[in-house]
C-alpha atoms as a PDB file:
ATOM      1  CA  UNK A   1      -0.067   0.169  -0.132  1.00  0.00           C
ATOM      2  CA  UNK A   2       1.407   3.018  -1.015  1.00  0.00           C
ATOM      3  CA  UNK A   3       0.076   6.789  -0.506  1.00  0.00           C
ATOM      4  CA  UNK A   4       0.779  10.155  -1.416  1.00  0.00           C
ATOM      5  CA  UNK A   5      -0.251  13.961  -0.364  1.00  0.00           C
ATOM      6  CA  UNK A   6       1.494  16.907  -2.642  1.00  0.00           C
ATOM      7  CA  UNK A   7       0.634  20.476  -2.180  1.00  0.00           C
ATOM      8  CA  UNK A   8      -1.430  22.349  -4.577  1.00  0.00           C
ATOM      9  CA  UNK A   9      -0.971  26.385  -5.366  1.00  0.00           C
ATOM     10  CA  UNK A  10      -4.192  27.896  -3.737  1.00  0.00           C
ATOM     11  CA  UNK A  11      -4.013  31.310  -5.206  1.00  0.00           C
ATOM     12  CA  UNK A  12      -3.734  30.730  -9.000  1.00  0.00           C
ATOM     13  CA  UNK A  13      -3.657  35.028  -9.691  1.00  0.00           C
ATOM     14  CA  UNK A  14       0.069  34.685  -7.670  1.00  0.00           C
ATOM     15  CA  UNK A  15       3.096  34.745 -10.264  1.00  0.00           C
ATOM     16  CA  UNK A  16       5.210  31.735  -8.857  1.00  0.00           C
ATOM     17  CA  UNK A  17       4.265  28.058  -9.132  1.00  0.00           C
ATOM     18  CA  UNK A  18       3.430  27.510  -5.169  1.00  0.00           C
ATOM     19  CA  UNK A  19       3.186  23.400  -5.952  1.00  0.00           C
ATOM     20  CA  UNK A  20       4.948  21.013  -5.044  1.00  0.00           C
ATOM     21  CA  UNK A  21       7.962  20.395  -7.437  1.00  0.00           C
ATOM     22  CA  UNK A  22       9.395  16.930  -7.169  1.00  0.00           C
ATOM     23  CA  UNK A  23      12.498  18.478  -9.148  1.00  0.00           C
ATOM     24  CA  UNK A  24      13.427  14.904 -10.383  1.00  0.00           C
ATOM     25  CA  UNK A  25      10.612  12.353 -10.545  1.00  0.00           C
ATOM     26  CA  UNK A  26      10.639   9.141 -12.525  1.00  0.00           C
ATOM     27  CA  UNK A  27       8.457   9.427 -15.573  1.00  0.00           C
ATOM     28  CA  UNK A  28       5.638   6.804 -14.304  1.00  0.00           C
ATOM     29  CA  UNK A  29       5.603   7.925 -11.213  1.00  0.00           C
ATOM     30  CA  UNK A  30       2.280   6.368 -10.891  1.00  0.00           C
ATOM     31  CA  UNK A  31       2.914   3.511 -13.289  1.00  0.00           C
ATOM     32  CA  UNK A  32       3.349   3.300 -16.929  1.00  0.00           C
ATOM     33  CA  UNK A  33       0.974   5.199 -19.000  1.00  0.00           C
ATOM     34  CA  UNK A  34       2.606   8.275 -16.837  1.00  0.00           C
ATOM     35  CA  UNK A  35      -1.007  10.711 -17.198  1.00  0.00           C
ATOM     36  CA  UNK A  36      -0.401  12.713 -13.620  1.00  0.00           C
ATOM     37  CA  UNK A  37       2.669  13.740 -11.973  1.00  0.00           C
ATOM     38  CA  UNK A  38       2.907  13.909  -8.462  1.00  0.00           C
ATOM     39  CA  UNK A  39       1.955  17.757  -7.537  1.00  0.00           C
ATOM     40  CA  UNK A  40      -1.274  19.014  -6.373  1.00  0.00           C
ATOM     41  CA  UNK A  41      -2.471  15.285  -5.543  1.00  0.00           C
ATOM     42  CA  UNK A  42      -3.861  13.093  -2.876  1.00  0.00           C
ATOM     43  CA  UNK A  43      -3.025   9.751  -3.813  1.00  0.00           C
ATOM     44  CA  UNK A  44      -3.969   5.814  -2.205  1.00  0.00           C
ATOM     45  CA  UNK A  45      -2.400   3.103  -4.235  1.00  0.00           C
ATOM     46  CA  UNK A  46      -2.590  -0.475  -3.259  1.00  0.00           C
ATOM     47  CA  UNK A  47      -0.244  -3.008  -5.099  1.00  0.00           C
ATOM     48  CA  UNK A  48      -0.410  -6.670  -4.824  1.00  0.00           C
ATOM     49  CA  UNK A  49       3.174  -8.476  -6.981  1.00  0.00           C
ATOM     50  CA  UNK A  50       3.050 -12.092  -7.045  1.00  0.00           C
ATOM     51  CA  UNK A  51       5.539 -14.232  -8.177  1.00  0.00           C
ATOM     52  CA  UNK A  52       4.006 -17.193 -10.411  1.00  0.00           C
ATOM     53  CA  UNK A  53       7.325 -18.625 -11.484  1.00  0.00           C
ATOM     54  CA  UNK A  54      10.829 -18.358 -10.395  1.00  0.00           C
ATOM     55  CA  UNK A  55      11.207 -15.820 -13.310  1.00  0.00           C
ATOM     56  CA  UNK A  56       7.348 -14.275 -13.927  1.00  0.00           C
ATOM     57  CA  UNK A  57       6.035 -11.917 -11.989  1.00  0.00           C
ATOM     58  CA  UNK A  58       2.897 -10.177 -12.150  1.00  0.00           C
ATOM     59  CA  UNK A  59       1.990  -6.714 -10.491  1.00  0.00           C
ATOM     60  CA  UNK A  60      -1.407  -5.618 -10.062  1.00  0.00           C
ATOM     61  CA  UNK A  61      -2.335  -2.049  -8.862  1.00  0.00           C
ATOM     62  CA  UNK A  62      -5.238  -0.017  -8.806  1.00  0.00           C
ATOM     63  CA  UNK A  63      -4.107   4.234  -7.758  1.00  0.00           C
ATOM     64  CA  UNK A  64      -7.052   6.575  -6.605  1.00  0.00           C
ATOM     65  CA  UNK A  65      -6.409  10.131  -7.485  1.00  0.00           C
ATOM     66  CA  UNK A  66      -7.607  13.645  -6.054  1.00  0.00           C
ATOM     67  CA  UNK A  67      -6.674  17.266  -6.159  1.00  0.00           C
ATOM     68  CA  UNK A  68      -5.377  18.379  -2.801  1.00  0.00           C
ATOM     69  CA  UNK A  69      -6.227  21.732  -3.531  1.00  0.00           C
ATOM     70  CA  UNK A  70      -9.490  22.616  -5.553  1.00  0.00           C
ATOM     71  CA  UNK A  71      -8.089  26.301  -6.621  1.00  0.00           C
ATOM     72  CA  UNK A  72      -5.026  24.524  -8.450  1.00  0.00           C
ATOM     73  CA  UNK A  73      -5.143  22.242 -11.333  1.00  0.00           C
ATOM     74  CA  UNK A  74      -3.204  18.744 -11.647  1.00  0.00           C
ATOM     75  CA  UNK A  75      -0.093  18.388 -13.164  1.00  0.00           C
ATOM     76  CA  UNK A  76       1.945  16.033 -15.478  1.00  0.00           C
ATOM     77  CA  UNK A  77       5.081  14.441 -14.447  1.00  0.00           C
ATOM     78  CA  UNK A  78       7.286  17.233 -15.636  1.00  0.00           C
ATOM     79  CA  UNK A  79       4.961  19.585 -13.412  1.00  0.00           C
ATOM     80  CA  UNK A  80       3.161  20.854 -16.382  1.00  0.00           C
ATOM     81  CA  UNK A  81      -0.089  22.183 -16.295  1.00  0.00           C
ATOM     82  CA  UNK A  82      -2.835  19.499 -17.828  1.00  0.00           C
ATOM     83  CA  UNK A  83      -5.807  21.149 -16.647  1.00  0.00           C
ATOM     84  CA  UNK A  84      -6.576  24.084 -14.855  1.00  0.00           C
ATOM     85  CA  UNK A  85      -8.863  24.000 -11.603  1.00  0.00           C
ATOM     86  CA  UNK A  86     -10.298  27.172 -12.420  1.00  0.00           C
ATOM     87  CA  UNK A  87     -13.680  25.632 -13.390  1.00  0.00           C
ATOM     88  CA  UNK A  88     -14.531  23.018 -11.180  1.00  0.00           C
ATOM     89  CA  UNK A  89     -14.552  22.467  -7.374  1.00  0.00           C
ATOM     90  CA  UNK A  90     -14.481  18.590  -7.958  1.00  0.00           C
ATOM     91  CA  UNK A  91     -11.601  17.323  -6.110  1.00  0.00           C
ATOM     92  CA  UNK A  92     -12.121  13.537  -7.436  1.00  0.00           C
ATOM     93  CA  UNK A  93      -9.712  13.260 -10.652  1.00  0.00           C
ATOM     94  CA  UNK A  94     -10.131   9.712 -11.595  1.00  0.00           C
ATOM     95  CA  UNK A  95      -8.554   6.156 -10.855  1.00  0.00           C
ATOM     96  CA  UNK A  96      -5.969   3.703 -12.602  1.00  0.00           C
ATOM     97  CA  UNK A  97      -5.444   0.244 -12.700  1.00  0.00           C
ATOM     98  CA  UNK A  98      -2.753  -1.296 -14.112  1.00  0.00           C
ATOM     99  CA  UNK A  99      -1.369  -5.346 -14.667  1.00  0.00           C
ATOM    100  CA  UNK A 100       1.825  -5.938 -15.314  1.00  0.00           C
ATOM    101  CA  UNK A 101       3.760  -9.151 -16.346  1.00  0.00           C
ATOM    102  CA  UNK A 102       7.344  -9.665 -16.214  1.00  0.00           C
ATOM    103  CA  UNK A 103       9.047 -12.675 -17.689  1.00  0.00           C
ATOM    104  CA  UNK A 104      13.038 -12.861 -16.848  1.00  0.00           C
ATOM    105  CA  UNK A 105      14.452 -15.141 -19.503  1.00  0.00           C
ATOM    106  CA  UNK A 106      17.947 -15.193 -17.931  1.00  0.00           C
ATOM    107  CA  UNK A 107      19.967 -12.961 -16.035  1.00  0.00           C
ATOM    108  CA  UNK A 108      20.187 -10.743 -18.969  1.00  0.00           C
ATOM    109  CA  UNK A 109      17.152 -10.487 -20.919  1.00  0.00           C
ATOM    110  CA  UNK A 110      13.785  -9.624 -19.191  1.00  0.00           C
ATOM    111  CA  UNK A 111      10.088  -9.302 -21.504  1.00  0.00           C
ATOM    112  CA  UNK A 112       7.694  -7.051 -19.629  1.00  0.00           C
ATOM    113  CA  UNK A 113       3.722  -6.346 -20.731  1.00  0.00           C
ATOM    114  CA  UNK A 114       1.475  -3.426 -19.145  1.00  0.00           C
ATOM    115  CA  UNK A 115      -1.901  -2.670 -19.854  1.00  0.00           C
ATOM    116  CA  UNK A 116      -3.754   0.117 -17.777  1.00  0.00           C
ATOM    117  CA  UNK A 117      -6.948   1.808 -17.483  1.00  0.00           C
ATOM    118  CA  UNK A 118      -7.521   4.923 -16.209  1.00  0.00           C
ATOM    119  CA  UNK A 119     -11.375   6.314 -14.833  1.00  0.00           C
ATOM    120  CA  UNK A 120     -11.754   9.782 -15.424  1.00  0.00           C
ATOM    121  CA  UNK A 121     -13.427  11.059 -12.048  1.00  0.00           C
ATOM    122  CA  UNK A 122     -15.718  13.973 -11.859  1.00  0.00           C
ATOM    123  CA  UNK A 123     -13.148  16.516 -11.867  1.00  0.00           C
ATOM    124  CA  UNK A 124     -12.059  15.341 -15.602  1.00  0.00           C
ATOM    125  CA  UNK A 125     -15.851  14.952 -16.546  1.00  0.00           C
ATOM    126  CA  UNK A 126     -16.364  18.666 -15.756  1.00  0.00           C
ATOM    127  CA  UNK A 127     -13.441  20.566 -17.371  1.00  0.00           C
ATOM    128  CA  UNK A 128     -12.384  18.242 -20.638  1.00  0.00           C
ATOM    129  CA  UNK A 129     -14.109  15.673 -22.584  1.00  0.00           C
ATOM    130  CA  UNK A 130     -13.686  13.481 -19.250  1.00  0.00           C
ATOM    131  CA  UNK A 131     -12.711  10.150 -21.313  1.00  0.00           C
ATOM    132  CA  UNK A 132     -11.230   7.339 -20.081  1.00  0.00           C
ATOM    133  CA  UNK A 133      -7.721   5.947 -21.544  1.00  0.00           C
ATOM    134  CA  UNK A 134      -6.578   3.035 -22.524  1.00  0.00           C
ATOM    135  CA  UNK A 135      -2.234   2.024 -21.997  1.00  0.00           C
ATOM    136  CA  UNK A 136      -0.681  -0.680 -23.494  1.00  0.00           C
ATOM    137  CA  UNK A 137       2.946  -1.495 -23.978  1.00  0.00           C
ATOM    138  CA  UNK A 138       5.419  -4.424 -24.247  1.00  0.00           C
ATOM    139  CA  UNK A 139       9.528  -3.701 -24.318  1.00  0.00           C
ATOM    140  CA  UNK A 140      12.260  -6.015 -23.514  1.00  0.00           C
ATOM    141  CA  UNK A 141      15.152  -4.928 -21.430  1.00  0.00           C
ATOM    142  CA  UNK A 142      19.020  -6.439 -21.929  1.00  0.00           C
ATOM    143  CA  UNK A 143      20.893  -5.873 -18.774  1.00  0.00           C
ATOM    144  CA  UNK A 144      24.940  -6.153 -19.387  1.00  0.00           C
END
């Protein structure tokens, strides 16, 4: 179980960004899709890691997002404003379910498959088209 809270800017007319800046976050902070960054948010993130076989792992997680400050918007991984908070008082941004399967072929080669679905919450439905997002990726990692 993970949980995070980061501050938001309560005065949108102020010249300075007074939202928490994580400085150097990894891109996939809340999962591979990297739709939301760690600024002006509250998230609760249960995760289950299962070792199916010695070399096969399955990760299941569910992440729920709220705005910490309703006067501020939501931000991307680079602290770029995705959506202003000016037109909605809704706090709930949405939730994301993700499943990742990782197969370690040997000590050098690993194959990974990832699928995530983001369910748009009230804030996104009130300020954008509010559509859900699907994400799918497959990659290979070779370690020297």
